[in-house]
Amino acid sequence: MSRPLPPFEFLAGADDSPVILHVPHSAREIPDDVRAGILLDDTALERELDHITDAHTARIAEIAAHRARVTPWRFVNRLSRLVVDPERFPDEREEMLAVGMGAVYTRTTHRAALRPDDTDPEPLIERYFRPYARAMTEAVAGRLAATGRAVVIDVHSYPGEALPYELHGTGPRPPVCLGTDAFHTPPELAEQARKAFAECGETGLDSPFSGAYVPLEFYGRDQRVGALMVEIRRDTYMSEPGGPAGPGLSRPAEALAALVDGVSR
């Protein structure tokens, strides 16, 4: 039996910090009743979790938060993205629907069946996706009210070699990929990140993953909300797939702390 966990956790930072470190894909936990709707046996599910989980990113964000001069806020998903993916659109706007990976996945990273194709996503969206979205909206609104701005920094990782589900996996795969949004990522934010992560090796933009997460209430409407996605290539800090972290984990954590300090100033 899996142990019950809250679906997400919002960890307080400094009152004057505009930064929210968002960690949506670091967990492996799947509630038992959700597990019952997944077609994979236990061995295959563990293998899929190895591939799909952004392992150790919650730890990277935790270290960065403790080392930053102005403590950022942290919003951490405590359930696997195989329950719901909080960063997907829950409708036809989501391009990942083409590979069965909308808000509720029906296919694996290797395009095998994860759930039946006729799975109704609505129960999972109502139970998990919408509460998460509301809480994240409130978190951003809180930073706006307190500081006049909010900066959402998504903390992700990605595999050294492209997986079959990737729609844009043929481009560069630098040690650090920065995902940007034309409306919510000002050039100075991307430049701050590039400088902060310089010690981690080459830093690229929007390849192999692009975009940045902003709650829909603010998306494309409020430029006081900044956003940036940080994608750290897994082989630089851990054993792939799904293995333990190595000594390289401290480097992106320190870089993230430096980025938080730059943004906070």
C-alpha atoms as a PDB file:
ATOM      1  CA  MET A   1       0.000   0.000   0.000  1.00  0.00           C
ATOM      2  CA  SER A   2       1.312   3.440  -0.891  1.00  0.00           C
ATOM      3  CA  ARG A   3       1.462   5.925   1.944  1.00  0.00           C
ATOM      4  CA  PRO A   4      -0.912   8.892   1.681  1.00  0.00           C
ATOM      5  CA  LEU A   5       0.689  12.194   0.778  1.00  0.00           C
ATOM      6  CA  PRO A   6      -0.706  15.678   0.260  1.00  0.00           C
ATOM      7  CA  PRO A   7      -0.913  16.228  -3.510  1.00  0.00           C
ATOM      8  CA  PHE A   8       1.297  19.309  -3.303  1.00  0.00           C
ATOM      9  CA  GLU A   9       3.074  21.506  -0.778  1.00  0.00           C
ATOM     10  CA  PHE A  10       3.617  25.267  -0.705  1.00  0.00           C
ATOM     11  CA  LEU A  11       6.667  26.113   1.388  1.00  0.00           C
ATOM     12  CA  ALA A  12       6.970  29.680   2.629  1.00  0.00           C
ATOM     13  CA  GLY A  13       9.917  31.885   1.793  1.00  0.00           C
ATOM     14  CA  ALA A  14      10.849  35.423   2.742  1.00  0.00           C
ATOM     15  CA  ASP A  15       8.026  37.939   2.832  1.00  0.00           C
ATOM     16  CA  ASP A  16       9.855  40.166   0.352  1.00  0.00           C
ATOM     17  CA  SER A  17      10.770  37.411  -2.125  1.00  0.00           C
ATOM     18  CA  PRO A  18       8.954  37.484  -5.484  1.00  0.00           C
ATOM     19  CA  VAL A  19      10.348  34.056  -6.460  1.00  0.00           C
ATOM     20  CA  ILE A  20       8.438  30.779  -6.533  1.00  0.00           C
ATOM     21  CA  LEU A  21      10.516  27.701  -7.295  1.00  0.00           C
ATOM     22  CA  HIS A  22       8.017  25.362  -8.941  1.00  0.00           C
ATOM     23  CA  VAL A  23       8.874  21.651  -8.864  1.00  0.00           C
ATOM     24  CA  PRO A  24       6.114  19.777 -10.731  1.00  0.00           C
ATOM     25  CA  HIS A  25       7.703  16.483 -11.814  1.00  0.00           C
ATOM     26  CA  SER A  26      10.027  15.282  -9.043  1.00  0.00           C
ATOM     27  CA  ALA A  27       7.778  12.737  -7.281  1.00  0.00           C
ATOM     28  CA  ARG A  28       7.073   9.044  -7.929  1.00  0.00           C
ATOM     29  CA  GLU A  29       4.073   8.609  -5.632  1.00  0.00           C
ATOM     30  CA  ILE A  30       0.825   7.277  -7.167  1.00  0.00           C
ATOM     31  CA  PRO A  31      -2.266   6.732  -4.973  1.00  0.00           C
ATOM     32  CA  ASP A  32      -3.501   3.154  -4.978  1.00  0.00           C
ATOM     33  CA  ASP A  33      -6.843   3.940  -6.621  1.00  0.00           C
ATOM     34  CA  VAL A  34      -5.059   5.812  -9.421  1.00  0.00           C
ATOM     35  CA  ARG A  35      -2.575   2.954  -9.802  1.00  0.00           C
ATOM     36  CA  ALA A  36      -5.532   0.635 -10.415  1.00  0.00           C
ATOM     37  CA  GLY A  37      -6.274   2.455 -13.685  1.00  0.00           C
ATOM     38  CA  ILE A  38      -2.734   2.020 -15.052  1.00  0.00           C
ATOM     39  CA  LEU A  39      -2.095  -0.905 -17.401  1.00  0.00           C
ATOM     40  CA  LEU A  40       1.584  -1.496 -16.561  1.00  0.00           C
ATOM     41  CA  ASP A  41       2.695  -4.200 -14.172  1.00  0.00           C
ATOM     42  CA  ASP A  42       4.799  -3.168 -11.179  1.00  0.00           C
ATOM     43  CA  THR A  43       8.148  -3.713 -12.912  1.00  0.00           C
ATOM     44  CA  ALA A  44       7.156  -1.807 -16.043  1.00  0.00           C
ATOM     45  CA  LEU A  45       5.678   1.014 -13.945  1.00  0.00           C
ATOM     46  CA  GLU A  46       8.896   1.416 -11.980  1.00  0.00           C
ATOM     47  CA  ARG A  47      10.822   1.548 -15.248  1.00  0.00           C
ATOM     48  CA  GLU A  48       8.443   4.203 -16.592  1.00  0.00           C
ATOM     49  CA  LEU A  49       8.815   6.246 -13.416  1.00  0.00           C
ATOM     50  CA  ASP A  50      12.597   6.090 -13.876  1.00  0.00           C
ATOM     51  CA  HIS A  51      12.223   7.679 -17.302  1.00  0.00           C
ATOM     52  CA  ILE A  52       9.446  10.195 -16.653  1.00  0.00           C
ATOM     53  CA  THR A  53      10.397  11.542 -13.213  1.00  0.00           C
ATOM     54  CA  ASP A  54      12.586  14.628 -12.873  1.00  0.00           C
ATOM     55  CA  ALA A  55      14.526  12.878 -10.142  1.00  0.00           C
ATOM     56  CA  HIS A  56      16.137  14.900  -7.344  1.00  0.00           C
ATOM     57  CA  THR A  57      14.816  18.259  -8.617  1.00  0.00           C
ATOM     58  CA  ALA A  58      12.963  18.821  -5.332  1.00  0.00           C
ATOM     59  CA  ARG A  59      16.295  18.376  -3.561  1.00  0.00           C
ATOM     60  CA  ILE A  60      17.987  20.810  -5.952  1.00  0.00           C
ATOM     61  CA  ALA A  61      15.289  23.400  -5.228  1.00  0.00           C
ATOM     62  CA  GLU A  62      15.538  22.757  -1.476  1.00  0.00           C
ATOM     63  CA  ILE A  63      19.297  23.297  -1.419  1.00  0.00           C
ATOM     64  CA  ALA A  64      18.951  26.427  -3.550  1.00  0.00           C
ATOM     65  CA  ALA A  65      16.285  27.824  -1.230  1.00  0.00           C
ATOM     66  CA  HIS A  66      18.487  27.315   1.829  1.00  0.00           C
ATOM     67  CA  ARG A  67      21.535  28.865   0.185  1.00  0.00           C
ATOM     68  CA  ALA A  68      19.860  31.888  -1.374  1.00  0.00           C
ATOM     69  CA  ARG A  69      20.245  35.165   0.498  1.00  0.00           C
ATOM     70  CA  VAL A  70      16.529  35.880   0.132  1.00  0.00           C
ATOM     71  CA  THR A  71      14.647  32.632   0.663  1.00  0.00           C
ATOM     72  CA  PRO A  72      12.333  31.864  -2.259  1.00  0.00           C
ATOM     73  CA  TRP A  73       8.945  30.228  -1.924  1.00  0.00           C
ATOM     74  CA  ARG A  74       8.612  26.646  -3.167  1.00  0.00           C
ATOM     75  CA  PHE A  75       5.616  24.922  -4.722  1.00  0.00           C
ATOM     76  CA  VAL A  76       6.326  21.190  -4.902  1.00  0.00           C
ATOM     77  CA  ASN A  77       4.166  18.494  -6.473  1.00  0.00           C
ATOM     78  CA  ARG A  78       4.202  15.477  -4.145  1.00  0.00           C
ATOM     79  CA  LEU A  79       2.532  13.110  -6.629  1.00  0.00           C
ATOM     80  CA  SER A  80       3.893  11.660  -9.854  1.00  0.00           C
ATOM     81  CA  ARG A  81       3.057  13.335 -13.129  1.00  0.00           C
ATOM     82  CA  LEU A  82       1.533   9.971 -14.058  1.00  0.00           C
ATOM     83  CA  VAL A  83      -1.392  10.988 -11.814  1.00  0.00           C
ATOM     84  CA  VAL A  84      -1.885  14.286 -13.638  1.00  0.00           C
ATOM     85  CA  ASP A  85       0.623  16.602 -15.254  1.00  0.00           C
ATOM     86  CA  PRO A  86      -0.126  20.029 -13.733  1.00  0.00           C
ATOM     87  CA  GLU A  87       1.725  21.845 -16.501  1.00  0.00           C
ATOM     88  CA  ARG A  88      -0.379  20.577 -19.383  1.00  0.00           C
ATOM     89  CA  PHE A  89      -3.506  22.203 -20.751  1.00  0.00           C
ATOM     90  CA  PRO A  90      -6.488  19.954 -19.965  1.00  0.00           C
ATOM     91  CA  ASP A  91      -7.994  20.427 -23.443  1.00  0.00           C
ATOM     92  CA  GLU A  92      -7.270  20.326 -27.159  1.00  0.00           C
ATOM     93  CA  ARG A  93      -4.718  23.155 -26.969  1.00  0.00           C
ATOM     94  CA  GLU A  94      -2.195  20.701 -25.563  1.00  0.00           C
ATOM     95  CA  GLU A  95       0.140  19.553 -28.338  1.00  0.00           C
ATOM     96  CA  MET A  96       1.302  16.613 -26.232  1.00  0.00           C
ATOM     97  CA  LEU A  97      -2.105  15.021 -26.754  1.00  0.00           C
ATOM     98  CA  ALA A  98      -0.600  13.806 -30.042  1.00  0.00           C
ATOM     99  CA  VAL A  99       1.537  11.338 -28.068  1.00  0.00           C
ATOM    100  CA  GLY A 100      -1.025  10.574 -25.367  1.00  0.00           C
ATOM    101  CA  MET A 101       0.522  12.959 -22.851  1.00  0.00           C
ATOM    102  CA  GLY A 102      -2.017  15.666 -22.123  1.00  0.00           C
ATOM    103  CA  ALA A 103      -3.011  16.479 -18.566  1.00  0.00           C
ATOM    104  CA  VAL A 104      -3.768  12.778 -18.005  1.00  0.00           C
ATOM    105  CA  TYR A 105      -1.317  10.473 -19.774  1.00  0.00           C
ATOM    106  CA  THR A 106      -2.538   7.487 -21.767  1.00  0.00           C
ATOM    107  CA  ARG A 107       0.886   6.597 -23.243  1.00  0.00           C
ATOM    108  CA  THR A 108       4.342   6.081 -21.812  1.00  0.00           C
ATOM    109  CA  THR A 109       7.641   7.704 -22.702  1.00  0.00           C
ATOM    110  CA  HIS A 110       8.132   4.868 -25.196  1.00  0.00           C
ATOM    111  CA  ARG A 111       4.568   5.270 -26.576  1.00  0.00           C
ATOM    112  CA  ALA A 112       3.230   2.055 -25.049  1.00  0.00           C
ATOM    113  CA  ALA A 113      -0.250   1.991 -23.511  1.00  0.00           C
ATOM    114  CA  LEU A 114      -0.333   3.475 -20.006  1.00  0.00           C
ATOM    115  CA  ARG A 115      -4.110   3.771 -19.679  1.00  0.00           C
ATOM    116  CA  PRO A 116      -6.895   2.713 -22.060  1.00  0.00           C
ATOM    117  CA  ASP A 117      -7.283   5.211 -24.907  1.00  0.00           C
ATOM    118  CA  ASP A 118     -10.912   5.803 -23.932  1.00  0.00           C
ATOM    119  CA  THR A 119     -10.000   6.807 -20.366  1.00  0.00           C
ATOM    120  CA  ASP A 120     -12.138   9.723 -19.164  1.00  0.00           C
ATOM    121  CA  PRO A 121      -9.608  12.243 -17.795  1.00  0.00           C
ATOM    122  CA  GLU A 122     -12.203  14.378 -16.027  1.00  0.00           C
ATOM    123  CA  PRO A 123     -12.232  12.598 -12.633  1.00  0.00           C
ATOM    124  CA  LEU A 124      -8.459  12.969 -12.277  1.00  0.00           C
ATOM    125  CA  ILE A 125      -8.534  16.542 -13.544  1.00  0.00           C
ATOM    126  CA  GLU A 126     -11.249  17.466 -11.054  1.00  0.00           C
ATOM    127  CA  ARG A 127      -9.571  15.700  -8.151  1.00  0.00           C
ATOM    128  CA  TYR A 128      -5.963  16.712  -8.750  1.00  0.00           C
ATOM    129  CA  PHE A 129      -5.395  19.136 -11.640  1.00  0.00           C
ATOM    130  CA  ARG A 130      -7.853  21.896 -10.741  1.00  0.00           C
ATOM    131  CA  PRO A 131      -6.949  22.112  -7.039  1.00  0.00           C
ATOM    132  CA  TYR A 132      -3.279  22.305  -8.001  1.00  0.00           C
ATOM    133  CA  ALA A 133      -3.963  25.049 -10.540  1.00  0.00           C
ATOM    134  CA  ARG A 134      -6.030  27.033  -8.019  1.00  0.00           C
ATOM    135  CA  ALA A 135      -3.326  26.762  -5.367  1.00  0.00           C
ATOM    136  CA  MET A 136      -0.611  27.839  -7.794  1.00  0.00           C
ATOM    137  CA  THR A 137      -2.762  30.782  -8.915  1.00  0.00           C
ATOM    138  CA  GLU A 138      -3.163  31.815  -5.285  1.00  0.00           C
ATOM    139  CA  ALA A 139       0.575  31.455  -4.708  1.00  0.00           C
ATOM    140  CA  VAL A 140       1.371  33.811  -7.590  1.00  0.00           C
ATOM    141  CA  ALA A 141      -1.328  36.257  -6.493  1.00  0.00           C
ATOM    142  CA  GLY A 142       0.205  36.268  -3.030  1.00  0.00           C
ATOM    143  CA  ARG A 143       3.634  37.252  -4.347  1.00  0.00           C
ATOM    144  CA  LEU A 144       2.070  39.988  -6.484  1.00  0.00           C
ATOM    145  CA  ALA A 145       0.224  41.379  -3.487  1.00  0.00           C
ATOM    146  CA  ALA A 146       3.309  41.253  -1.266  1.00  0.00           C
ATOM    147  CA  THR A 147       6.022  42.446  -3.663  1.00  0.00           C
ATOM    148  CA  GLY A 148       4.307  43.813  -6.776  1.00  0.00           C
ATOM    149  CA  ARG A 149       5.765  41.064  -8.947  1.00  0.00           C
ATOM    150  CA  ALA A 150       6.132  37.302  -9.142  1.00  0.00           C
ATOM    151  CA  VAL A 151       8.762  35.166 -10.833  1.00  0.00           C
ATOM    152  CA  VAL A 152       7.993  31.481 -11.364  1.00  0.00           C
ATOM    153  CA  ILE A 153      11.125  29.419 -11.920  1.00  0.00           C
ATOM    154  CA  ASP A 154      10.277  25.888 -13.014  1.00  0.00           C
ATOM    155  CA  VAL A 155      12.823  23.286 -11.895  1.00  0.00           C
ATOM    156  CA  HIS A 156      12.968  20.326 -14.294  1.00  0.00           C
ATOM    157  CA  SER A 157      15.390  17.761 -15.651  1.00  0.00           C
ATOM    158  CA  TYR A 158      15.624  15.816 -18.888  1.00  0.00           C
ATOM    159  CA  PRO A 159      17.430  12.691 -20.124  1.00  0.00           C
ATOM    160  CA  GLY A 160      20.745  12.753 -21.889  1.00  0.00           C
ATOM    161  CA  GLU A 161      19.261  10.926 -24.884  1.00  0.00           C
ATOM    162  CA  ALA A 162      15.871  11.716 -26.397  1.00  0.00           C
ATOM    163  CA  LEU A 163      12.957   9.476 -25.481  1.00  0.00           C
ATOM    164  CA  PRO A 164      10.382   8.449 -28.109  1.00  0.00           C
ATOM    165  CA  TYR A 165       7.645  10.692 -26.701  1.00  0.00           C
ATOM    166  CA  GLU A 166       9.617  13.894 -27.287  1.00  0.00           C
ATOM    167  CA  LEU A 167       8.135  15.985 -30.090  1.00  0.00           C
ATOM    168  CA  HIS A 168      11.245  18.143 -30.450  1.00  0.00           C
ATOM    169  CA  GLY A 169      13.989  15.749 -29.450  1.00  0.00           C
ATOM    170  CA  THR A 170      16.294  16.190 -32.450  1.00  0.00           C
ATOM    171  CA  GLY A 171      17.721  19.561 -31.399  1.00  0.00           C
ATOM    172  CA  PRO A 172      20.609  20.397 -29.065  1.00  0.00           C
ATOM    173  CA  ARG A 173      20.668  18.859 -25.571  1.00  0.00           C
ATOM    174  CA  PRO A 174      22.948  21.156 -23.569  1.00  0.00           C
ATOM    175  CA  PRO A 175      23.729  20.588 -19.887  1.00  0.00           C
ATOM    176  CA  VAL A 176      21.162  23.283 -19.066  1.00  0.00           C
ATOM    177  CA  CYS A 177      18.192  24.217 -21.224  1.00  0.00           C
ATOM    178  CA  LEU A 178      16.287  27.414 -20.440  1.00  0.00           C
ATOM    179  CA  GLY A 179      12.659  27.407 -21.520  1.00  0.00           C
ATOM    180  CA  THR A 180      11.224  30.836 -22.249  1.00  0.00           C
ATOM    181  CA  ASP A 181       7.908  32.488 -23.008  1.00  0.00           C
ATOM    182  CA  ALA A 182       7.654  35.473 -25.345  1.00  0.00           C
ATOM    183  CA  PHE A 183       5.347  37.348 -22.973  1.00  0.00           C
ATOM    184  CA  HIS A 184       6.540  36.287 -19.523  1.00  0.00           C
ATOM    185  CA  THR A 185      10.319  35.849 -19.928  1.00  0.00           C
ATOM    186  CA  PRO A 186      12.032  39.235 -20.243  1.00  0.00           C
ATOM    187  CA  PRO A 187      15.476  39.086 -21.861  1.00  0.00           C
ATOM    188  CA  GLU A 188      17.162  40.126 -18.625  1.00  0.00           C
ATOM    189  CA  LEU A 189      15.704  37.100 -16.797  1.00  0.00           C
ATOM    190  CA  ALA A 190      17.054  34.694 -19.399  1.00  0.00           C
ATOM    191  CA  GLU A 191      20.425  36.461 -19.280  1.00  0.00           C
ATOM    192  CA  GLN A 192      20.546  36.232 -15.487  1.00  0.00           C
ATOM    193  CA  ALA A 193      19.913  32.504 -15.746  1.00  0.00           C
ATOM    194  CA  ARG A 194      22.540  32.048 -18.438  1.00  0.00           C
ATOM    195  CA  LYS A 195      25.148  33.723 -16.226  1.00  0.00           C
ATOM    196  CA  ALA A 196      24.062  31.879 -13.080  1.00  0.00           C
ATOM    197  CA  PHE A 197      24.336  28.465 -14.763  1.00  0.00           C
ATOM    198  CA  ALA A 198      27.582  29.185 -16.644  1.00  0.00           C
ATOM    199  CA  GLU A 199      29.539  26.928 -14.265  1.00  0.00           C
ATOM    200  CA  CYS A 200      27.263  24.015 -15.195  1.00  0.00           C
ATOM    201  CA  GLY A 201      28.444  24.004 -18.809  1.00  0.00           C
ATOM    202  CA  GLU A 202      26.774  25.150 -22.002  1.00  0.00           C
ATOM    203  CA  THR A 203      23.376  26.771 -21.533  1.00  0.00           C
ATOM    204  CA  GLY A 204      20.872  26.734 -24.409  1.00  0.00           C
ATOM    205  CA  LEU A 205      17.458  28.217 -25.069  1.00  0.00           C
ATOM    206  CA  ASP A 206      14.263  26.276 -25.784  1.00  0.00           C
ATOM    207  CA  SER A 207      15.840  22.998 -26.916  1.00  0.00           C
ATOM    208  CA  PRO A 208      14.909  20.268 -26.400  1.00  0.00           C
ATOM    209  CA  PHE A 209      12.074  21.767 -24.320  1.00  0.00           C
ATOM    210  CA  SER A 210      10.550  25.216 -24.537  1.00  0.00           C
ATOM    211  CA  GLY A 211       8.054  27.401 -22.740  1.00  0.00           C
ATOM    212  CA  ALA A 212       7.546  28.376 -19.117  1.00  0.00           C
ATOM    213  CA  TYR A 213       4.704  27.755 -16.691  1.00  0.00           C
ATOM    214  CA  VAL A 214       2.315  30.544 -15.697  1.00  0.00           C
ATOM    215  CA  PRO A 215      -1.147  29.946 -14.183  1.00  0.00           C
ATOM    216  CA  LEU A 216      -3.826  30.551 -16.813  1.00  0.00           C
ATOM    217  CA  GLU A 217      -5.340  33.483 -14.915  1.00  0.00           C
ATOM    218  CA  PHE A 218      -2.158  35.460 -15.568  1.00  0.00           C
ATOM    219  CA  TYR A 219      -0.914  33.838 -18.771  1.00  0.00           C
ATOM    220  CA  GLY A 220      -0.496  36.350 -21.583  1.00  0.00           C
ATOM    221  CA  ARG A 221      -2.212  39.026 -19.483  1.00  0.00           C
ATOM    222  CA  ASP A 222      -0.007  40.227 -16.649  1.00  0.00           C
ATOM    223  CA  GLN A 223       3.632  41.027 -17.310  1.00  0.00           C
ATOM    224  CA  ARG A 224       4.264  41.472 -13.604  1.00  0.00           C
ATOM    225  CA  VAL A 225       4.461  37.672 -13.639  1.00  0.00           C
ATOM    226  CA  GLY A 226       7.803  36.493 -14.972  1.00  0.00           C
ATOM    227  CA  ALA A 227       8.535  32.887 -15.802  1.00  0.00           C
ATOM    228  CA  LEU A 228      11.476  30.706 -16.759  1.00  0.00           C
ATOM    229  CA  MET A 229      11.913  26.949 -17.071  1.00  0.00           C
ATOM    230  CA  VAL A 230      15.233  25.466 -16.005  1.00  0.00           C
ATOM    231  CA  GLU A 231      15.891  22.005 -17.491  1.00  0.00           C
ATOM    232  CA  ILE A 232      19.004  20.262 -16.149  1.00  0.00           C
ATOM    233  CA  ARG A 233      20.352  17.336 -18.162  1.00  0.00           C
ATOM    234  CA  ARG A 234      20.241  14.332 -15.886  1.00  0.00           C
ATOM    235  CA  ASP A 235      23.596  12.773 -16.714  1.00  0.00           C
ATOM    236  CA  THR A 236      25.288  15.882 -15.276  1.00  0.00           C
ATOM    237  CA  TYR A 237      24.069  15.207 -11.725  1.00  0.00           C
ATOM    238  CA  MET A 238      22.689  11.642 -11.420  1.00  0.00           C
ATOM    239  CA  SER A 239      22.802   8.090 -12.754  1.00  0.00           C
ATOM    240  CA  GLU A 240      20.272   7.524 -15.526  1.00  0.00           C
ATOM    241  CA  PRO A 241      17.570   6.426 -15.580  1.00  0.00           C
ATOM    242  CA  GLY A 242      16.160   6.957 -12.117  1.00  0.00           C
ATOM    243  CA  GLY A 243      19.390   6.363 -10.215  1.00  0.00           C
ATOM    244  CA  PRO A 244      20.948   8.157  -7.276  1.00  0.00           C
ATOM    245  CA  ALA A 245      22.235  11.693  -7.341  1.00  0.00           C
ATOM    246  CA  GLY A 246      25.965  12.213  -7.582  1.00  0.00           C
ATOM    247  CA  PRO A 247      28.355  14.955  -6.498  1.00  0.00           C
ATOM    248  CA  GLY A 248      27.271  16.976  -9.531  1.00  0.00           C
ATOM    249  CA  LEU A 249      23.953  17.805  -7.866  1.00  0.00           C
ATOM    250  CA  SER A 250      25.452  20.642  -5.837  1.00  0.00           C
ATOM    251  CA  ARG A 251      26.446  22.576  -8.954  1.00  0.00           C
ATOM    252  CA  PRO A 252      22.951  23.243 -10.373  1.00  0.00           C
ATOM    253  CA  ALA A 253      21.678  23.851  -6.833  1.00  0.00           C
ATOM    254  CA  GLU A 254      24.281  26.576  -6.301  1.00  0.00           C
ATOM    255  CA  ALA A 255      23.517  28.039  -9.724  1.00  0.00           C
ATOM    256  CA  LEU A 256      19.799  28.093  -8.945  1.00  0.00           C
ATOM    257  CA  ALA A 257      20.509  29.892  -5.668  1.00  0.00           C
ATOM    258  CA  ALA A 258      22.538  32.477  -7.578  1.00  0.00           C
ATOM    259  CA  LEU A 259      19.662  32.959 -10.014  1.00  0.00           C
ATOM    260  CA  VAL A 260      17.210  33.391  -7.151  1.00  0.00           C
ATOM    261  CA  ASP A 261      19.471  36.040  -5.595  1.00  0.00           C
ATOM    262  CA  GLY A 262      19.794  37.871  -8.907  1.00  0.00           C
ATOM    263  CA  VAL A 263      16.055  37.894  -9.461  1.00  0.00           C
ATOM    264  CA  SER A 264      15.357  38.927  -5.871  1.00  0.00           C
ATOM    265  CA  ARG A 265      17.590  41.965  -6.221  1.00  0.00           C
END
